[in-house]
Protein backbone atom coordinates (compact mmCIF):
# COMPACT_ATOMS: atom_id res chain seq x y z
CA MET A 1 33.30 9.40 -1.59
CA ALA A 2 32.23 5.47 -3.06
CA PHE A 3 31.38 3.86 -0.32
CA TRP A 4 32.68 -0.30 -0.54
CA CYS A 5 29.37 -1.63 -0.97
CA GLN A 6 29.40 0.54 -4.33
CA ARG A 7 33.30 -0.62 -5.19
CA ASP A 8 31.93 -4.59 -4.55
CA SER A 9 28.21 -4.59 -4.53
CA TYR A 10 28.55 -8.41 -4.18
CA ALA A 11 30.33 -8.08 -0.58
CA ARG A 12 28.35 -9.67 2.14
CA GLU A 13 30.94 -8.39 5.51
CA PHE A 14 33.37 -5.73 5.47
CA THR A 15 35.32 -4.72 8.57
CA THR A 16 36.51 -1.32 9.43
CA THR A 17 36.54 0.85 12.44
CA VAL A 18 34.10 3.25 13.98
CA VAL A 19 34.64 6.95 13.41
CA SER A 20 32.04 8.74 15.90
CA CYS A 21 29.17 7.82 17.84
CA CYS A 22 26.36 9.96 18.65
CA PRO A 23 23.03 9.88 20.28
CA ALA A 24 20.28 10.56 17.59
CA GLU A 25 16.88 9.66 16.90
CA LEU A 26 14.48 7.98 14.31
CA GLN A 27 11.09 8.62 12.96
CA THR A 28 9.46 4.98 11.88
CA GLU A 29 6.30 3.61 11.19
CA GLY A 30 4.91 1.55 13.67
CA SER A 31 3.15 -2.02 13.29
CA ASN A 32 -0.26 0.39 13.71
CA GLY A 33 0.50 2.79 10.89
CA LYS A 34 1.30 5.66 13.33
CA LYS A 35 4.74 7.29 13.30
CA GLU A 36 7.04 6.72 16.38
CA VAL A 37 10.26 8.12 17.33
CA LEU A 38 12.98 5.68 18.31
CA SER A 39 16.44 6.55 20.06
CA GLY A 40 19.44 5.33 19.37
CA PHE A 41 22.76 6.67 17.85
CA GLN A 42 23.67 7.76 14.48
CA VAL A 43 27.27 5.66 13.91
CA VAL A 44 30.02 6.66 11.06
CA LEU A 45 32.42 4.21 9.92
CA GLU A 46 35.64 4.71 7.90
CA ASP A 47 34.01 2.98 5.16
CA THR A 48 30.98 0.62 4.80
CA VAL A 49 29.34 -2.60 3.07
CA LEU A 50 25.85 -1.09 3.78
CA PHE A 51 24.26 1.02 0.97
CA PRO A 52 22.73 4.49 2.13
CA GLU A 53 19.67 5.31 0.36
CA GLY A 54 20.10 7.37 -3.07
CA GLY A 55 18.96 7.10 -6.43
CA GLY A 56 15.83 5.69 -5.86
CA GLN A 57 16.94 2.45 -4.07
CA PRO A 58 16.42 2.35 -0.66
CA ASP A 59 19.16 1.48 1.99
CA ASP A 60 20.46 -1.85 3.08
CA ARG A 61 19.94 -3.53 6.62
CA GLY A 62 22.37 -5.24 8.34
CA THR A 63 24.47 -5.59 11.79
CA ILE A 64 27.02 -4.07 13.01
CA ASN A 65 28.96 -6.30 15.72
CA ASP A 66 25.63 -8.31 15.24
CA ILE A 67 23.54 -5.27 16.41
CA SER A 68 20.88 -3.82 13.86
CA VAL A 69 21.26 -1.54 11.73
CA LEU A 70 17.85 0.40 11.32
CA ARG A 71 18.36 3.02 9.17
CA VAL A 72 21.50 3.94 6.68
CA THR A 73 21.82 7.78 5.15
CA ARG A 74 24.14 9.81 3.26
CA ARG A 75 25.82 12.97 4.51
CA GLY A 76 28.38 14.18 2.39
CA GLU A 77 31.07 12.00 1.99
CA GLN A 78 30.13 9.47 4.72
CA ALA A 79 27.32 7.15 5.87
CA ASP A 80 24.88 7.88 9.21
CA HIS A 81 23.74 3.93 10.54
CA PHE A 82 21.36 4.05 13.30
CA THR A 83 21.67 1.92 15.78
CA GLN A 84 19.93 1.50 19.22
CA THR A 85 23.50 0.38 20.90
CA PRO A 86 25.85 2.79 21.15
CA LEU A 87 29.85 1.40 19.58
CA ASP A 88 32.89 3.17 21.08
CA PRO A 89 34.92 5.08 18.52
CA GLY A 90 38.40 3.71 17.60
CA SER A 91 37.18 0.48 17.80
CA GLN A 92 37.24 -2.31 14.99
CA VAL A 93 33.42 -3.83 13.97
CA LEU A 94 32.45 -6.65 11.72
CA VAL A 95 30.01 -4.84 9.03
CA ARG A 96 27.48 -7.77 7.76
CA VAL A 97 24.56 -6.92 5.22
CA ASP A 98 21.27 -8.21 4.64
CA TRP A 99 21.87 -10.52 1.35
CA GLU A 100 18.18 -11.17 0.34
CA ARG A 101 17.73 -7.43 0.53
CA ARG A 102 20.51 -6.13 -1.31
CA PHE A 103 20.60 -8.82 -4.00
CA ASP A 104 16.95 -8.03 -4.47
CA HIS A 105 17.47 -4.23 -4.85
CA MET A 106 20.66 -5.06 -7.04
CA GLN A 107 18.10 -7.13 -9.70
CA GLN A 108 15.48 -4.29 -9.10
CA HIS A 109 17.94 -1.59 -10.01
CA SER A 110 20.38 -3.21 -12.82
CA GLY A 111 16.71 -4.02 -14.10
CA GLN A 112 15.70 -0.60 -13.86
CA HIS A 113 18.51 0.38 -16.24
CA LEU A 114 17.94 -1.97 -18.63
CA ILE A 115 14.16 -1.11 -18.88
CA THR A 116 15.26 2.52 -19.31
CA ALA A 117 17.78 2.00 -21.90
CA VAL A 118 15.61 -0.50 -23.87
CA ALA A 119 12.80 2.10 -23.77
CA ASP A 120 14.66 4.73 -24.84
CA HIS A 121 16.19 2.71 -27.77
CA LEU A 122 13.29 1.08 -29.20
CA PHE A 123 10.58 4.44 -28.96
CA LYS A 124 12.45 7.30 -27.55
CA LEU A 125 10.71 6.68 -24.10
CA LYS A 126 12.78 8.73 -21.54
CA THR A 127 12.68 8.10 -17.80
CA THR A 128 12.00 10.76 -15.83
CA SER A 129 11.92 9.32 -12.35
CA TRP A 130 11.67 5.48 -10.69
CA GLU A 131 10.74 3.55 -7.41
CA LEU A 132 12.11 0.41 -6.04
CA GLY A 133 9.17 -0.52 -3.96
CA ARG A 134 8.44 -3.20 -1.25
CA PHE A 135 6.83 -5.70 -3.45
CA ARG A 136 6.97 -4.21 -7.34
CA SER A 137 8.82 -1.26 -9.27
CA ALA A 138 7.49 1.39 -11.43
CA ILE A 139 9.56 3.50 -13.95
CA GLU A 140 7.99 6.90 -15.17
CA LEU A 141 7.94 7.24 -18.39
CA ASP A 142 7.87 10.68 -20.29
CA THR A 143 5.05 10.00 -22.50
CA PRO A 144 0.82 9.95 -22.02
CA SER A 145 0.06 6.42 -22.68
CA MET A 146 2.26 2.58 -24.26
CA THR A 147 0.56 0.42 -26.27
CA ALA A 148 0.27 -3.39 -25.25
CA GLU A 149 2.58 -3.55 -28.03
CA GLN A 150 5.56 -1.45 -26.97
CA VAL A 151 5.48 -2.88 -23.50
CA ALA A 152 5.61 -6.60 -25.18
CA ALA A 153 8.60 -5.73 -27.05
CA ILE A 154 10.64 -3.79 -24.20
CA GLU A 155 9.82 -6.99 -22.31
CA GLN A 156 10.91 -9.13 -25.15
CA SER A 157 14.56 -7.09 -25.93
CA VAL A 158 15.25 -6.42 -22.20
CA ASN A 159 14.90 -10.85 -21.84
CA GLU A 160 17.19 -11.42 -24.55
CA LYS A 161 19.86 -9.18 -23.59
CA ILE A 162 19.41 -11.01 -20.14
CA ARG A 163 20.09 -14.62 -21.67
CA ASP A 164 23.05 -12.98 -23.79
CA ARG A 165 24.74 -12.44 -20.75
CA LEU A 166 25.75 -9.00 -21.29
CA PRO A 167 28.32 -7.61 -18.60
CA VAL A 168 27.94 -5.10 -15.96
CA ASN A 169 30.49 -2.61 -14.90
CA VAL A 170 31.16 0.46 -12.78
CA ARG A 171 33.53 2.87 -13.35
CA GLU A 172 34.82 6.53 -11.27
CA LEU A 173 35.12 9.29 -13.16
CA SER A 174 36.26 12.78 -11.97
CA LEU A 175 33.66 15.86 -12.28
CA ASP A 176 36.00 17.36 -14.67
CA ASP A 177 36.46 14.06 -17.38
CA PRO A 178 35.18 15.23 -20.50
CA GLU A 179 33.62 11.78 -20.85
CA VAL A 180 31.12 13.16 -17.99
CA GLU A 181 29.37 15.15 -20.73
CA GLN A 182 28.34 11.61 -22.68
CA VAL A 183 26.90 10.19 -20.20
CA SER A 184 23.21 9.89 -19.34
CA GLY A 185 21.83 10.88 -16.12
CA ARG A 186 19.15 13.00 -14.07
CA GLY A 187 22.19 15.16 -12.59
CA LEU A 188 23.78 14.78 -8.83
CA PRO A 189 22.48 15.73 -5.71
CA ASP A 190 23.95 19.07 -4.19
CA ASP A 191 25.73 17.78 -1.25
CA HIS A 192 27.33 14.87 -4.02
CA ALA A 193 31.25 14.78 -2.97
CA GLY A 194 33.94 12.89 -4.39
CA PRO A 195 34.40 11.00 -8.04
CA ILE A 196 31.30 9.98 -10.05
CA ARG A 197 30.31 6.51 -10.69
CA VAL A 198 29.03 5.27 -14.20
CA VAL A 199 27.10 2.02 -14.19
CA ASN A 200 27.81 0.42 -17.66
CA ILE A 201 25.92 -2.60 -19.32
CA GLU A 202 27.75 -3.34 -21.99
CA GLY A 203 26.63 -1.84 -25.49
CA VAL A 204 23.48 -0.85 -24.03
CA ASP A 205 23.78 1.60 -21.23
CA SER A 206 26.00 3.95 -19.68
CA ASN A 207 24.06 6.05 -16.97
CA MET A 208 25.61 7.85 -13.54
CA CYS A 209 24.45 6.06 -10.60
CA CYS A 210 25.20 5.46 -6.96
CA GLY A 211 23.43 2.33 -6.21
CA THR A 212 24.15 -1.53 -6.48
CA HIS A 213 24.12 -3.62 -9.32
CA VAL A 214 25.01 -6.90 -10.55
CA SER A 215 27.90 -7.33 -12.26
CA ASN A 216 26.38 -9.27 -15.33
CA LEU A 217 22.76 -9.32 -16.62
CA SER A 218 22.65 -13.15 -15.78
CA ASP A 219 21.88 -12.14 -12.45
CA LEU A 220 18.61 -10.40 -13.50
CA GLN A 221 17.31 -14.38 -14.34
CA VAL A 222 14.34 -12.61 -15.86
CA ILE A 223 12.47 -9.37 -15.90
CA LYS A 224 8.33 -9.51 -16.21
CA ILE A 225 6.69 -6.08 -16.91
CA LEU A 226 3.12 -6.14 -15.40
CA GLY A 227 1.82 -3.47 -17.28
CA THR A 228 1.24 0.30 -17.19
CA GLU A 229 -0.54 2.94 -14.76
CA LYS A 230 -1.56 6.54 -15.66
CA GLY A 231 0.93 8.79 -13.83
CA LYS A 232 1.26 12.31 -13.25
CA LYS A 233 1.80 15.40 -15.37
CA ASN A 234 1.02 13.76 -17.99
CA ARG A 235 3.34 10.59 -17.75
CA THR A 236 2.71 6.61 -17.77
CA ASN A 237 4.33 4.48 -15.37
CA LEU A 238 5.83 1.07 -16.25
CA ILE A 239 5.35 -1.97 -13.71
CA PHE A 240 7.90 -4.25 -13.26
CA LEU A 241 9.33 -7.01 -11.67
CA SER A 242 12.96 -8.97 -11.87
CA GLY A 243 14.77 -11.26 -10.67
CA ASN A 244 14.01 -13.68 -7.39
CA ARG A 245 10.57 -10.87 -7.53
CA VAL A 246 8.91 -13.03 -10.24
CA LEU A 247 9.49 -16.38 -9.13
CA LYS A 248 7.61 -15.00 -5.84
CA TRP A 249 4.92 -13.39 -8.03
CA MET A 250 4.59 -17.02 -9.71
CA GLU A 251 4.32 -18.60 -6.89
CA ARG A 252 1.51 -16.48 -5.01
CA SER A 253 0.04 -16.54 -8.69
CA HIS A 254 0.20 -20.45 -8.80
CA GLY A 255 -0.86 -21.03 -5.24
CA THR A 256 -3.79 -18.53 -6.13
CA GLU A 257 -4.77 -20.75 -9.66
CA LYS A 258 -4.90 -23.70 -7.71
CA ALA A 259 -7.54 -22.44 -4.91
CA LEU A 260 -9.74 -21.45 -7.72
CA THR A 261 -9.92 -24.29 -9.68
CA ALA A 262 -10.76 -26.11 -6.32
CA LEU A 263 -13.33 -23.37 -5.64
CA LEU A 264 -15.19 -23.01 -8.92
CA LYS A 265 -14.28 -26.83 -10.13
CA CYS A 266 -12.65 -26.12 -13.46
CA GLY A 267 -9.70 -25.88 -15.04
CA ALA A 268 -7.53 -22.85 -15.20
CA GLU A 269 -8.70 -21.81 -18.48
CA ASP A 270 -12.22 -21.63 -17.40
CA HIS A 271 -11.58 -19.46 -14.31
CA VAL A 272 -12.58 -16.18 -16.20
CA GLU A 273 -16.22 -17.39 -17.31
CA ALA A 274 -16.83 -19.35 -14.60
CA VAL A 275 -16.66 -16.05 -12.56
CA LYS A 276 -18.68 -14.21 -14.67
CA LYS A 277 -21.07 -16.98 -14.32
CA LEU A 278 -21.22 -16.82 -10.62
CA GLN A 279 -21.41 -13.07 -10.74
CA ASN A 280 -24.46 -12.78 -13.32
CA SER A 281 -26.31 -15.47 -10.71
CA THR A 282 -24.75 -13.19 -7.83
CA LYS A 283 -26.58 -10.06 -9.37
CA ILE A 284 -30.19 -11.82 -9.97
CA LEU A 285 -30.51 -13.04 -6.58
CA GLN A 286 -29.41 -9.54 -5.37
CA LYS A 287 -32.13 -8.29 -7.39
CA ASN A 288 -34.59 -10.94 -6.17
CA ASN A 289 -33.71 -10.44 -2.43
CA LEU A 290 -33.73 -6.50 -2.92
CA ASN A 291 -37.58 -6.82 -3.95
CA LEU A 292 -38.47 -9.56 -1.27
CA LEU A 293 -36.37 -7.10 1.36
CA ARG A 294 -38.94 -4.41 0.21
CA ASP A 295 -41.90 -6.09 0.48
CA LEU A 296 -41.41 -7.50 3.68
CA ALA A 297 -40.42 -3.49 5.15
CA VAL A 298 -44.00 -2.48 3.57
CA HIS A 299 -45.33 -5.34 5.48
CA ILE A 300 -43.49 -4.97 8.62
CA ALA A 301 -44.51 -1.33 8.40
CA HIS A 302 -48.12 -2.36 8.13
CA SER A 303 -48.39 -4.83 10.95
CA LEU A 304 -46.87 -1.71 13.43
CA ARG A 305 -49.63 0.53 12.65
CA ASN A 306 -52.12 -2.18 13.18
CA SER A 307 -50.19 -3.64 16.36
CA PRO A 308 -51.82 -2.77 19.52
CA ASP A 309 -48.62 -1.12 21.10
CA TRP A 310 -49.03 1.20 18.62
CA GLY A 311 -48.17 4.73 19.99
CA GLY A 312 -44.98 6.01 22.05
CA VAL A 313 -41.76 4.61 20.63
CA VAL A 314 -42.07 1.98 17.99
CA ILE A 315 -39.21 -0.18 18.09
CA LEU A 316 -38.02 -3.00 15.78
CA HIS A 317 -35.06 -5.05 15.38
CA ARG A 318 -33.73 -7.44 12.36
CA LYS A 319 -30.48 -9.26 12.29
CA GLU A 320 -30.54 -8.94 8.04
CA GLY A 321 -31.33 -5.58 6.76
CA ASP A 322 -29.76 -2.64 5.43
CA SER A 323 -30.58 1.41 5.03
CA GLU A 324 -32.87 1.06 2.04
CA PHE A 325 -34.85 -1.96 4.21
CA MET A 326 -35.65 0.56 7.69
CA ASN A 327 -36.10 3.78 5.14
CA ILE A 328 -38.80 1.51 3.63
CA ILE A 329 -40.55 1.01 6.66
CA ALA A 330 -40.25 4.81 7.76
CA ASN A 331 -41.71 5.82 4.87
CA GLU A 332 -44.84 3.97 4.96
CA ILE A 333 -45.28 4.55 8.96
CA GLY A 334 -45.00 8.36 8.53
CA SER A 335 -43.55 11.04 10.78
CA GLU A 336 -46.06 10.85 13.55
CA THR A 337 -44.58 8.83 15.93
CA LEU A 338 -40.89 8.56 17.19
CA LEU A 339 -39.54 5.04 15.24
CA PHE A 340 -36.11 3.57 16.15
CA LEU A 341 -35.24 0.77 13.66
CA THR A 342 -32.00 -1.10 14.15
CA VAL A 343 -30.26 -4.27 12.18
CA GLY A 344 -27.29 -6.04 12.83
CA ASP A 345 -25.82 -8.60 15.33
CA GLU A 346 -27.54 -7.88 18.85
CA LYS A 347 -23.89 -8.87 19.83
CA GLY A 348 -21.48 -6.74 17.61
CA GLY A 349 -22.14 -4.05 15.14
CA GLY A 350 -24.98 -2.56 13.23
CA LEU A 351 -27.28 0.00 11.55
CA PHE A 352 -30.17 2.42 12.86
CA LEU A 353 -32.51 4.85 11.54
CA LEU A 354 -34.52 7.07 14.44
CA ALA A 355 -37.30 9.35 12.72
CA GLY A 356 -40.56 10.68 13.80
CA PRO A 357 -41.19 14.80 14.36
CA PRO A 358 -38.25 16.12 13.17
CA ALA A 359 -37.96 18.24 16.67
CA SER A 360 -37.39 15.07 18.24
CA VAL A 361 -35.56 13.42 16.25
CA GLU A 362 -33.03 16.16 16.00
CA THR A 363 -32.81 16.08 19.53
CA LEU A 364 -32.80 12.32 20.63
CA GLY A 365 -30.62 11.19 17.01
CA PRO A 366 -27.11 12.10 18.29
CA ARG A 367 -27.59 10.92 22.07
CA VAL A 368 -28.67 7.52 20.54
CA ALA A 369 -25.91 7.58 18.60
CA GLU A 370 -23.49 7.94 21.75
CA VAL A 371 -25.26 5.06 23.84
CA LEU A 372 -25.00 2.92 21.14
CA GLU A 373 -20.93 4.22 20.49
CA GLY A 374 -21.76 4.85 16.90
CA LYS A 375 -21.88 7.84 14.67
CA GLY A 376 -24.63 9.09 12.43
CA ALA A 377 -26.39 12.49 10.99
CA GLY A 378 -29.82 13.56 9.86
CA LYS A 379 -32.56 16.20 8.42
CA LYS A 380 -36.03 16.61 7.83
CA GLY A 381 -36.93 14.20 10.57
CA ARG A 382 -34.60 11.13 10.29
CA PHE A 383 -31.25 10.44 11.89
CA GLN A 384 -28.99 7.06 10.34
CA GLY A 385 -25.98 5.81 11.10
CA LYS A 386 -23.32 3.30 12.18
CA ALA A 387 -23.45 1.81 15.67
CA THR A 388 -20.51 -0.21 17.23
CA LYS A 389 -22.06 -1.72 20.24
CA MET A 390 -25.85 -3.25 19.27
CA SER A 391 -25.79 -5.06 22.77
CA ARG A 392 -26.83 -1.15 24.28
CA ARG A 393 -29.75 -1.29 22.16
CA MET A 394 -32.16 -1.27 25.14
CA GLU A 395 -30.59 1.16 27.14
CA ALA A 396 -31.17 3.46 23.80
CA GLN A 397 -34.49 2.54 23.85
CA ALA A 398 -35.18 3.27 27.52
CA LEU A 399 -33.57 6.79 26.41
CA LEU A 400 -36.39 7.37 24.08
CA GLN A 401 -39.35 6.14 26.25
CA ASP A 402 -38.32 8.37 28.81
CA TYR A 403 -38.24 11.16 26.48
CA ILE A 404 -41.89 10.58 25.17
CA SER A 405 -42.50 10.03 29.08
CA THR A 406 -41.38 13.43 29.96
CA GLN A 407 -42.91 15.02 26.74
CA SER A 408 -46.57 13.77 27.91
CA ALA A 409 -46.44 14.65 30.88
CA LYS A 410 -45.19 18.21 30.19
CA GLU A 411 -48.33 17.82 27.87
């Protein structure tokens, strides 16, 4: 069965009848990235203007009588609409599509057909799959690599055909129609029912497809190929944008360019060179800073050893520092005494190192990490890790001093 959205991809609303409404659940991804299960209803309509996902194209969003449709899936000859409000079977309803999402999908899907056809025509590169992503789309081509010249030639050709305003039409063929054998495609799903839809770009391509498409290539506006990425099984992914996505990409890129111009105090043509100079300067500064930090670590270690408070637990905290800084101090001091070093914001997180006699460190390391609400690991007389609550450093110190006092009493 071809749904109304497939017969008229430009239809934005449609009046139909509710066939059934059954309780159902929908698994979604919440704002925190965790899976959530929503309770609701699976609504079946006599026909629909909302496209159910298929053919590499995501499903539409929209409303039924102003009730949000959160998912549309195909099941044989029917489309299931998931809502969180029930609808009465037999009632007439008005179905509206989220047009911005729909038209975006039409542009990306028709753009994919066009790129696929041109890549095959120019370089015999076969499309094995494609993905309509949220921000960009990818066509998987059956080749281990592509040259920059091939990519440029495909982009030039597809945009010429857009400017030629070539018509795009959809036909329906029965399964036993001899013409089916002449149509390209990657096969039909196992539960396919009804006629076969064939999307034809005049003089360019004829392909089996269930998705929604523009009626003329001029509606694609422009296609930009962003480049290629290594795909699976020795294949190449061609990354592209079509239509309004190109305009949004240009807007973001222009905004970034303006911001960099203000920060780097130079024109866009000099941005790369300016960043290279900054990178070189940063590398020199980092090297100098590391050398100074090492010298400081050695100096601090000697000061601690010569301190009148030497012995028991040696404690040091610095706001600035890293793991290497702490380890240099531990190397200079040795393992005769218990050394507790921390770096970072005293009101936030940071790093810690416990060093000293192996048996003591093995016992105390995990306990210190627990007090600081952090994680760590250790071996051979050292235990180090990350702390989320550096504000509890004094509690960790008290723990270590109590341990030393207990050990001294036993001796």
